[in-house]
Amino acid sequence: MNDARPGTPWPVFFVASIAVFLVSIDTTVLFAAFGAMRAGFPDSTAADMSWVLNAYTIVYAALLVPAGKLSDTHGRRRIFLLGLMLFLLASAGCGFATGVGVLVSARVLQAVGAALLIPSSLALVLGAFPIERRAVAVSLWGAVGGLAAALGPSVGAAMVASLGWRWAFFINLPLGLVAWVYGRNRLTEWRNANMDTSFDLPGTALLMAGVGLLAFGIVQSEALGWRSPAVVGLMFAGFCVLLGFVAWARHTPHPALDLSLFADSTYRNVNIATLVFGIAFAMMFFGLFFFLMQIWHYSLPMAGLAVSPGPLLVVPVAIIAGRRATRIGHRPLLVAGSVLYAAGGLWLYLLAGNVPNFLGIWLPAMVLTGTAVGMVLPSLSGAAVARLAPERFGIGSAVNQSVRQIGAVLGVSATVAFVGHNAPQLADFQQLYLTHIGLAILTALICLSVDTRTRIQN
């Protein structure tokens, strides 16, 4: 089984991008399928069904970093194919589930597969491309994930309406099987032979518990409120456990997460920017659907179509942005894209009212935000690994994706707090847009210190 020859790394990218597409679209398709899933289990409560989403989120966020190290130490191809097979088996299990308990259990397994897939997928892409072409490759890889996540609700709405909610899971199978067969035949193994392969069980347990408690607290805030003793207790416990992990990692020879990653200011600041922009992206993305359905009274399929011009711009913009990053570094793209994203929020704040106006108001906003996302999200992924040694691609990308996932959970929770009640008004959405504008500007300010030019040009 041979990998792509030097100079022809695109078969590797093809396999890796299918995986990231499946994982990214799966999450947002379920937002469209949620109502139909609940109707399919009439004896279940909304709280019961919420675990179909929440269990996945918590496990996925908690496992990303350990999975990233596994891909570096035990083989990227091996971990990628294992994750893909788990994801597909769990997708079939979800589709055939006869009860909520079975469905939630299958979603947990699906989250394990997704956590194994994402860092190994990016590590495979980085390893396949020469250094002078990595910026373009990572931009495209990130764009595929962003496009899939943004298209999920419209695709999910159409699929659920015509085939039923189970096809929100079955749709993963044909494309995933193609990737698995193709990957077995075209990917070669790579692992860091110099890295200790011993498994830091205490450190991994502390890291998973800390991230899991934080994610669980964030998820519970939607129902209980941020001031709830349960939420405050979970968040406090999560921070304490993570502090315990830091103390452990500083004194163990081979920690689950090498804290020296954060010694580099660019890596550290990119991850802070990823958290902030992840919140802003989720707020804007889910806020758009709430606005269209609650204020302009669009149906979910119509809302999906109305939002789609933005996602369609992500891939072509990412291609151009990746080429520019190769020459000038990621900072100009990150700063300009964040400012443009703030401009999209300002446009909606000033002009989007109670009267629908797709061509005059909505379409320009989608062009602004879609262009901005194509500049920022892939560039964050690329900047996060631009200065890392090849043997740290897996763990480095995993940390960045985990941070982004936590940001997304925070953003969804904030959106629900602003406009998730029964009768949101235009003023509620304007507060949402102001918050989104502030977060986008903060991202731009953080990214002023990001410098990836030296590593890219060498």
Protein backbone atom coordinates (compact mmCIF):
# COMPACT_ATOMS: atom_id res chain seq x y z
CA MET A 1 0.00 0.00 0.00
CA ASN A 2 1.69 3.16 -1.21
CA ASP A 3 1.03 6.75 -0.45
CA ALA A 4 0.93 9.43 -3.10
CA ARG A 5 4.31 10.03 -4.75
CA PRO A 6 6.20 13.21 -3.88
CA GLY A 7 4.62 16.04 -5.82
CA THR A 8 1.22 14.32 -5.98
CA PRO A 9 -0.18 14.56 -2.45
CA TRP A 10 -3.78 15.17 -3.54
CA PRO A 11 -4.96 11.55 -3.07
CA VAL A 12 -4.07 11.88 0.60
CA PHE A 13 -5.92 15.19 0.76
CA PHE A 14 -8.94 13.58 -0.92
CA VAL A 15 -9.21 10.86 1.72
CA ALA A 16 -8.56 13.24 4.62
CA SER A 17 -11.07 15.81 3.36
CA ILE A 18 -13.84 13.21 3.09
CA ALA A 19 -13.32 12.40 6.75
CA VAL A 20 -13.39 16.01 7.91
CA PHE A 21 -16.45 16.64 5.72
CA LEU A 22 -18.34 13.75 7.35
CA VAL A 23 -17.49 14.79 10.89
CA SER A 24 -18.27 18.46 10.29
CA ILE A 25 -21.57 17.99 8.49
CA ASP A 26 -22.77 15.33 10.93
CA THR A 27 -22.83 17.77 13.82
CA THR A 28 -24.93 20.46 12.15
CA VAL A 29 -27.23 18.10 10.21
CA LEU A 30 -28.59 16.97 13.57
CA PHE A 31 -29.80 20.44 14.44
CA ALA A 32 -32.21 20.13 11.51
CA ALA A 33 -33.07 16.53 12.38
CA PHE A 34 -33.58 17.09 16.11
CA GLY A 35 -37.33 17.73 15.96
CA ALA A 36 -37.94 14.69 13.79
CA MET A 37 -35.79 12.51 16.07
CA ARG A 38 -37.79 13.60 19.09
CA ALA A 39 -41.03 12.81 17.26
CA GLY A 40 -39.62 9.36 16.49
CA PHE A 41 -39.33 8.66 20.22
CA PRO A 42 -42.60 10.07 21.57
CA ASP A 43 -42.00 8.74 25.10
CA SER A 44 -38.79 10.73 25.47
CA THR A 45 -38.45 14.21 26.95
CA ALA A 46 -36.58 17.14 25.46
CA ALA A 47 -33.94 16.67 28.18
CA ASP A 48 -33.52 13.02 27.18
CA MET A 49 -33.10 13.90 23.52
CA SER A 50 -30.68 16.72 24.25
CA TRP A 51 -28.11 14.06 25.15
CA VAL A 52 -28.04 12.96 21.53
CA LEU A 53 -26.20 16.25 20.93
CA ASN A 54 -24.59 16.83 24.31
CA ALA A 55 -23.01 13.41 24.85
CA TYR A 56 -21.29 13.68 21.48
CA THR A 57 -20.03 17.20 22.20
CA ILE A 58 -18.58 16.33 25.59
CA VAL A 59 -16.82 13.13 24.49
CA TYR A 60 -15.52 14.67 21.26
CA ALA A 61 -14.04 17.72 23.01
CA ALA A 62 -12.49 15.61 25.78
CA LEU A 63 -10.84 13.05 23.47
CA LEU A 64 -9.35 15.26 20.76
CA VAL A 65 -6.04 15.95 22.48
CA PRO A 66 -5.32 12.35 23.58
CA ALA A 67 -6.28 11.22 20.08
CA GLY A 68 -3.83 13.68 18.56
CA LYS A 69 -0.95 12.21 20.51
CA LEU A 70 -2.02 8.69 19.58
CA SER A 71 -1.81 9.60 15.89
CA ASP A 72 1.75 10.84 16.35
CA THR A 73 2.95 7.88 18.44
CA HIS A 74 0.96 4.93 17.07
CA GLY A 75 0.63 5.85 13.41
CA ARG A 76 -1.50 8.40 11.59
CA ARG A 77 -2.83 5.93 9.04
CA ARG A 78 -3.72 3.39 11.72
CA ILE A 79 -5.54 5.91 13.92
CA PHE A 80 -7.26 7.50 10.91
CA LEU A 81 -8.64 4.19 9.62
CA LEU A 82 -9.65 3.08 13.13
CA GLY A 83 -11.47 6.36 13.72
CA LEU A 84 -13.21 6.19 10.36
CA MET A 85 -14.43 2.64 10.95
CA LEU A 86 -15.71 3.51 14.44
CA PHE A 87 -17.47 6.56 13.05
CA LEU A 88 -19.19 4.54 10.31
CA LEU A 89 -20.21 1.69 12.63
CA ALA A 90 -21.61 4.20 15.10
CA SER A 91 -23.46 6.05 12.31
CA ALA A 92 -25.16 2.78 11.34
CA GLY A 93 -25.95 2.14 15.01
CA CYS A 94 -27.55 5.58 15.32
CA GLY A 95 -29.65 5.02 12.22
CA PHE A 96 -30.95 1.67 13.45
CA ALA A 97 -31.43 2.77 17.09
CA THR A 98 -34.71 1.60 18.62
CA GLY A 99 -34.49 3.69 21.80
CA VAL A 100 -32.97 6.91 23.09
CA GLY A 101 -30.46 5.03 25.25
CA VAL A 102 -29.15 3.10 22.25
CA LEU A 103 -29.02 6.29 20.18
CA VAL A 104 -27.03 8.19 22.82
CA SER A 105 -24.63 5.24 23.26
CA ALA A 106 -24.02 5.11 19.52
CA ARG A 107 -23.41 8.86 19.49
CA VAL A 108 -20.73 8.44 22.16
CA LEU A 109 -18.98 5.86 19.97
CA GLN A 110 -19.37 8.20 17.03
CA ALA A 111 -17.66 10.95 19.02
CA VAL A 112 -14.74 8.62 19.78
CA GLY A 113 -14.35 7.94 16.06
CA ALA A 114 -14.57 11.63 15.21
CA ALA A 115 -11.93 12.52 17.81
CA LEU A 116 -9.56 9.94 16.31
CA LEU A 117 -10.26 11.15 12.78
CA ILE A 118 -9.76 14.91 12.92
CA PRO A 119 -6.17 15.29 14.22
CA SER A 120 -4.90 12.30 12.23
CA SER A 121 -6.62 13.69 9.12
CA LEU A 122 -4.82 17.03 9.34
CA ALA A 123 -1.53 15.36 10.27
CA LEU A 124 -1.78 13.18 7.14
CA VAL A 125 -2.35 16.28 4.99
CA LEU A 126 0.58 18.13 6.56
CA GLY A 127 2.87 15.16 6.12
CA ALA A 128 1.91 14.68 2.46
CA PHE A 129 2.60 18.24 1.29
CA PRO A 130 5.99 19.94 1.05
CA ILE A 131 6.38 22.87 3.42
CA GLU A 132 5.93 25.49 0.70
CA ARG A 133 2.47 24.09 -0.19
CA ARG A 134 1.15 23.39 3.29
CA ALA A 135 -0.58 26.74 3.74
CA VAL A 136 -2.76 26.09 0.70
CA ALA A 137 -3.44 22.50 1.75
CA VAL A 138 -4.41 23.42 5.32
CA SER A 139 -6.61 26.25 4.07
CA LEU A 140 -8.46 23.84 1.81
CA TRP A 141 -8.72 21.24 4.60
CA GLY A 142 -10.21 23.82 6.94
CA ALA A 143 -12.50 25.13 4.22
CA VAL A 144 -13.95 21.66 3.63
CA GLY A 145 -14.86 21.41 7.31
CA GLY A 146 -16.30 24.92 7.42
CA LEU A 147 -18.33 24.36 4.27
CA ALA A 148 -19.70 21.06 5.56
CA ALA A 149 -20.67 22.52 8.93
CA ALA A 150 -22.41 25.47 7.30
CA LEU A 151 -24.29 23.36 4.74
CA GLY A 152 -25.42 20.84 7.37
CA PRO A 153 -28.74 22.42 8.39
CA SER A 154 -30.00 22.94 4.82
CA VAL A 155 -28.89 19.46 3.72
CA GLY A 156 -30.30 17.97 6.90
CA ALA A 157 -33.63 19.74 6.54
CA ALA A 158 -34.11 18.49 2.97
CA MET A 159 -33.02 14.96 3.85
CA VAL A 160 -35.18 14.65 6.95
CA ALA A 161 -38.20 16.02 5.11
CA SER A 162 -37.89 13.47 2.29
CA LEU A 163 -36.33 10.38 3.90
CA GLY A 164 -36.73 10.67 7.68
CA TRP A 165 -34.33 11.42 10.53
CA ARG A 166 -32.46 8.09 10.32
CA TRP A 167 -30.91 9.20 7.04
CA ALA A 168 -29.13 11.98 8.89
CA PHE A 169 -26.85 9.10 9.99
CA PHE A 170 -27.10 6.69 7.05
CA ILE A 171 -25.85 9.40 4.68
CA ASN A 172 -22.39 9.00 6.26
CA LEU A 173 -22.00 5.39 5.15
CA PRO A 174 -21.41 5.45 1.36
CA LEU A 175 -18.94 8.34 1.36
CA GLY A 176 -17.20 7.03 4.48
CA LEU A 177 -16.76 3.56 2.99
CA VAL A 178 -15.19 5.09 -0.12
CA ALA A 179 -12.72 6.95 2.10
CA TRP A 180 -11.92 3.83 4.12
CA VAL A 181 -11.25 1.61 1.09
CA TYR A 182 -9.33 4.32 -0.73
CA GLY A 183 -7.38 5.17 2.42
CA ARG A 184 -6.31 1.56 3.00
CA ASN A 185 -4.88 1.43 -0.51
CA ARG A 186 -3.30 4.88 -0.79
CA LEU A 187 -2.10 5.89 2.67
CA THR A 188 1.24 4.81 4.09
CA GLU A 189 2.04 4.69 7.78
CA TRP A 190 3.90 7.40 9.64
CA ARG A 191 4.64 7.72 13.32
CA ASN A 192 7.29 9.46 15.38
CA ALA A 193 9.78 6.70 16.14
CA ASN A 194 11.62 8.97 18.58
CA MET A 195 8.56 9.77 20.69
CA ASP A 196 7.91 7.61 23.70
CA THR A 197 4.84 5.47 23.02
CA SER A 198 3.97 4.89 26.67
CA PHE A 199 0.48 6.05 27.45
CA ASP A 200 0.14 8.71 30.16
CA LEU A 201 -3.02 7.27 31.70
CA PRO A 202 -3.24 9.63 34.72
CA GLY A 203 -2.56 12.70 32.57
CA THR A 204 -5.02 11.59 29.89
CA ALA A 205 -7.68 10.95 32.52
CA LEU A 206 -7.12 14.39 34.08
CA LEU A 207 -7.22 16.10 30.68
CA MET A 208 -10.36 14.30 29.57
CA ALA A 209 -12.07 14.90 32.90
CA GLY A 210 -11.20 18.60 32.91
CA VAL A 211 -12.33 19.27 29.35
CA GLY A 212 -15.36 17.03 29.83
CA LEU A 213 -16.47 18.87 32.98
CA LEU A 214 -16.08 22.24 31.26
CA ALA A 215 -18.03 21.08 28.20
CA PHE A 216 -20.71 19.53 30.41
CA GLY A 217 -21.05 22.75 32.38
CA ILE A 218 -21.35 24.80 29.20
CA VAL A 219 -23.96 22.43 27.79
CA GLN A 220 -25.98 22.48 31.02
CA SER A 221 -25.95 26.28 31.08
CA GLU A 222 -28.50 26.29 28.26
CA ALA A 223 -31.13 24.74 30.51
CA LEU A 224 -30.02 25.85 34.00
CA GLY A 225 -28.46 29.28 33.37
CA TRP A 226 -24.87 30.41 33.95
CA ARG A 227 -25.50 31.27 37.60
CA SER A 228 -26.88 27.87 38.48
CA PRO A 229 -24.91 26.19 41.32
CA ALA A 230 -24.64 23.05 39.20
CA VAL A 231 -23.13 24.94 36.26
CA VAL A 232 -20.78 26.99 38.46
CA GLY A 233 -19.74 23.81 40.28
CA LEU A 234 -19.04 21.93 37.05
CA MET A 235 -17.02 24.80 35.58
CA PHE A 236 -15.03 25.26 38.79
CA ALA A 237 -14.34 21.55 39.01
CA GLY A 238 -13.23 21.51 35.36
CA PHE A 239 -10.75 24.35 35.92
CA CYS A 240 -9.41 22.68 39.08
CA VAL A 241 -8.91 19.37 37.28
CA LEU A 242 -7.12 21.12 34.39
CA LEU A 243 -4.86 22.88 36.88
CA GLY A 244 -4.13 19.46 38.31
CA PHE A 245 -3.28 18.25 34.82
CA VAL A 246 -0.88 21.17 34.30
CA ALA A 247 0.87 20.32 37.56
CA TRP A 248 1.09 16.67 36.53
CA ALA A 249 2.33 17.44 33.00
CA ARG A 250 5.15 19.60 34.34
CA HIS A 251 6.61 16.76 36.37
CA THR A 252 6.00 13.64 34.26
CA PRO A 253 8.55 12.62 31.60
CA HIS A 254 6.08 11.96 28.77
CA PRO A 255 2.81 13.84 29.42
CA ALA A 256 -0.38 13.40 27.42
CA LEU A 257 0.05 17.00 26.29
CA ASP A 258 3.51 18.52 26.03
CA LEU A 259 3.06 22.00 27.52
CA SER A 260 6.12 23.26 25.64
CA LEU A 261 3.78 23.63 22.66
CA PHE A 262 2.54 26.83 24.28
CA ALA A 263 6.02 28.27 24.72
CA ASP A 264 5.70 29.57 21.16
CA SER A 265 3.76 32.84 21.28
CA THR A 266 2.24 32.32 17.84
CA TYR A 267 0.82 28.92 18.78
CA ARG A 268 -0.47 30.28 22.07
CA ASN A 269 -2.13 33.33 20.51
CA VAL A 270 -3.60 31.38 17.61
CA ASN A 271 -5.37 29.09 20.07
CA ILE A 272 -6.73 32.05 22.04
CA ALA A 273 -7.96 33.57 18.77
CA THR A 274 -9.47 30.20 17.79
CA LEU A 275 -11.50 30.14 21.01
CA VAL A 276 -12.77 33.69 20.53
CA PHE A 277 -13.58 33.32 16.85
CA GLY A 278 -15.15 29.89 17.48
CA ILE A 279 -17.63 31.60 19.81
CA ALA A 280 -18.33 34.33 17.27
CA PHE A 281 -18.75 31.87 14.39
CA ALA A 282 -21.24 29.71 16.28
CA MET A 283 -23.17 32.77 17.46
CA MET A 284 -23.48 34.17 13.97
CA PHE A 285 -24.16 30.85 12.28
CA PHE A 286 -26.94 29.65 14.56
CA GLY A 287 -28.21 33.19 15.04
CA LEU A 288 -28.82 33.46 11.30
CA PHE A 289 -31.19 30.50 11.34
CA PHE A 290 -33.01 31.77 14.42
CA PHE A 291 -33.43 35.19 12.78
CA LEU A 292 -34.74 33.89 9.48
CA MET A 293 -37.25 31.58 11.13
CA GLN A 294 -38.34 33.76 14.06
CA ILE A 295 -38.26 37.27 12.59
CA TRP A 296 -38.68 36.72 8.84
CA HIS A 297 -40.72 33.50 9.36
CA TYR A 298 -38.80 31.38 6.85
CA SER A 299 -39.19 27.61 6.97
CA LEU A 300 -36.06 25.65 7.93
CA PRO A 301 -35.37 24.52 4.32
CA MET A 302 -35.83 28.11 3.10
CA ALA A 303 -33.54 29.39 5.86
CA GLY A 304 -30.91 26.87 4.81
CA LEU A 305 -31.07 28.08 1.21
CA ALA A 306 -30.90 31.71 2.32
CA VAL A 307 -27.74 31.08 4.34
CA SER A 308 -26.02 28.93 1.67
CA PRO A 309 -24.43 31.77 -0.41
CA GLY A 310 -22.00 32.36 2.47
CA PRO A 311 -20.75 28.77 2.76
CA LEU A 312 -20.42 28.51 -1.01
CA LEU A 313 -17.81 31.28 -0.88
CA VAL A 314 -15.68 29.55 1.74
CA VAL A 315 -13.77 27.14 -0.51
CA PRO A 316 -12.76 29.56 -3.32
CA VAL A 317 -11.78 32.21 -0.77
CA ALA A 318 -9.77 29.63 1.19
CA ILE A 319 -7.84 28.65 -1.95
CA ILE A 320 -6.85 32.26 -2.57
CA ALA A 321 -6.12 32.85 1.12
CA GLY A 322 -3.91 29.77 1.32
CA ARG A 323 -1.83 30.94 -1.63
CA ARG A 324 -1.45 34.37 -0.08
CA ALA A 325 -0.47 32.87 3.28
CA THR A 326 2.36 31.00 1.56
CA ARG A 327 3.88 34.35 0.57
CA ILE A 328 2.91 36.77 3.35
CA GLY A 329 2.03 34.59 6.33
CA HIS A 330 -1.34 34.19 8.02
CA ARG A 331 -1.51 37.43 10.02
CA PRO A 332 -2.86 39.77 7.29
CA LEU A 333 -5.56 37.25 6.38
CA LEU A 334 -6.56 36.68 9.99
CA VAL A 335 -6.76 40.37 10.85
CA ALA A 336 -8.51 41.43 7.64
CA GLY A 337 -10.91 38.48 7.76
CA SER A 338 -11.85 39.18 11.38
CA VAL A 339 -12.54 42.83 10.59
CA LEU A 340 -14.63 41.77 7.60
CA TYR A 341 -16.55 39.37 9.84
CA ALA A 342 -17.26 42.24 12.22
CA ALA A 343 -18.46 44.28 9.23
CA GLY A 344 -20.94 41.53 8.38
CA GLY A 345 -22.33 41.68 11.90
CA LEU A 346 -22.51 45.48 11.75
CA TRP A 347 -24.39 45.28 8.44
CA LEU A 348 -27.03 43.03 9.99
CA TYR A 349 -27.21 45.16 13.15
CA LEU A 350 -27.87 48.32 11.18
CA LEU A 351 -30.03 47.06 8.31
CA ALA A 352 -31.77 43.75 9.10
CA GLY A 353 -35.26 44.61 10.31
CA ASN A 354 -38.65 42.97 10.62
CA VAL A 355 -39.39 43.19 6.88
CA PRO A 356 -37.70 40.47 4.74
CA ASN A 357 -35.26 41.75 2.12
CA PHE A 358 -33.09 38.97 0.75
CA LEU A 359 -31.36 40.70 -2.16
CA GLY A 360 -30.84 44.11 -0.61
CA ILE A 361 -29.85 43.14 2.94
CA TRP A 362 -29.38 39.41 3.41
CA LEU A 363 -27.29 38.48 0.37
CA PRO A 364 -24.64 41.18 0.96
CA ALA A 365 -24.36 40.03 4.58
CA MET A 366 -23.78 36.44 3.44
CA VAL A 367 -21.09 37.61 1.00
CA LEU A 368 -19.30 39.50 3.78
CA THR A 369 -19.47 36.72 6.35
CA GLY A 370 -18.75 33.89 3.87
CA THR A 371 -15.66 35.68 2.57
CA ALA A 372 -14.51 36.36 6.13
CA VAL A 373 -14.94 32.74 7.24
CA GLY A 374 -12.95 31.56 4.20
CA MET A 375 -10.12 33.85 5.28
CA VAL A 376 -10.15 33.18 9.02
CA LEU A 377 -11.09 29.59 9.91
CA PRO A 378 -8.66 27.81 7.55
CA SER A 379 -5.94 30.33 8.40
CA LEU A 380 -6.35 29.62 12.11
CA SER A 381 -5.84 25.89 11.46
CA GLY A 382 -2.82 26.63 9.28
CA ALA A 383 -1.23 29.14 11.65
CA ALA A 384 -1.63 26.76 14.59
CA VAL A 385 0.67 24.16 13.02
CA ALA A 386 2.87 26.40 10.86
CA ARG A 387 5.73 26.48 13.36
CA LEU A 388 5.41 22.94 14.68
CA ALA A 389 7.87 20.17 13.89
CA PRO A 390 6.36 17.36 11.75
CA GLU A 391 6.34 14.93 14.66
CA ARG A 392 3.97 17.26 16.56
CA PHE A 393 1.39 17.84 13.82
CA GLY A 394 -1.13 15.45 15.36
CA ILE A 395 -1.08 16.77 18.90
CA GLY A 396 -0.75 20.40 17.79
CA SER A 397 -3.76 20.26 15.49
CA ALA A 398 -5.76 18.32 18.08
CA VAL A 399 -5.32 21.03 20.70
CA ASN A 400 -6.42 23.66 18.20
CA GLN A 401 -9.50 21.69 17.16
CA SER A 402 -10.41 21.01 20.79
CA VAL A 403 -10.21 24.72 21.58
CA ARG A 404 -12.39 25.47 18.57
CA GLN A 405 -14.93 22.89 19.73
CA ILE A 406 -15.15 24.46 23.18
CA GLY A 407 -15.63 27.84 21.51
CA ALA A 408 -18.47 26.43 19.42
CA VAL A 409 -20.20 25.07 22.51
CA LEU A 410 -19.87 28.47 24.19
CA GLY A 411 -21.24 30.18 21.08
CA VAL A 412 -24.26 27.90 20.83
CA SER A 413 -24.99 28.43 24.53
CA ALA A 414 -24.72 32.20 24.13
CA THR A 415 -27.03 32.15 21.11
CA VAL A 416 -29.63 30.19 23.04
CA ALA A 417 -29.35 32.69 25.89
CA PHE A 418 -29.87 35.65 23.55
CA VAL A 419 -32.56 34.37 21.18
CA GLY A 420 -33.48 30.80 22.16
CA HIS A 421 -36.61 31.72 24.11
CA ASN A 422 -40.14 31.36 22.75
CA ALA A 423 -40.60 34.80 21.17
CA PRO A 424 -37.28 36.56 20.46
CA GLN A 425 -37.57 40.14 19.26
CA LEU A 426 -35.45 42.14 16.83
CA ALA A 427 -33.70 43.84 19.76
CA ASP A 428 -32.53 40.43 21.02
CA PHE A 429 -30.84 39.72 17.69
CA GLN A 430 -29.25 43.16 17.68
CA GLN A 431 -27.62 42.37 21.03
CA LEU A 432 -26.40 39.11 19.52
CA TYR A 433 -24.88 40.98 16.57
CA LEU A 434 -23.15 43.49 18.86
CA THR A 435 -21.56 40.65 20.82
CA HIS A 436 -20.48 38.99 17.58
CA ILE A 437 -18.91 42.25 16.38
CA GLY A 438 -16.97 42.62 19.62
CA LEU A 439 -15.65 39.06 19.46
CA ALA A 440 -14.57 39.48 15.84
CA ILE A 441 -12.65 42.67 16.65
CA LEU A 442 -11.03 40.94 19.63
CA THR A 443 -9.92 38.14 17.28
CA ALA A 444 -8.29 40.69 14.98
CA LEU A 445 -6.44 42.28 17.89
CA ILE A 446 -5.14 38.92 19.14
CA CYS A 447 -3.99 37.97 15.65
CA LEU A 448 -1.84 41.10 15.31
CA SER A 449 0.87 39.18 17.18
CA VAL A 450 0.68 36.06 15.00
CA ASP A 451 3.75 35.62 12.78
CA THR A 452 4.13 32.54 10.58
CA ARG A 453 6.18 34.09 7.79
CA THR A 454 9.57 32.65 8.76
CA ARG A 455 8.46 29.03 8.91
CA ILE A 456 6.45 29.25 5.69
CA GLN A 457 9.15 30.86 3.62
CA ASN A 458 12.01 28.58 4.67
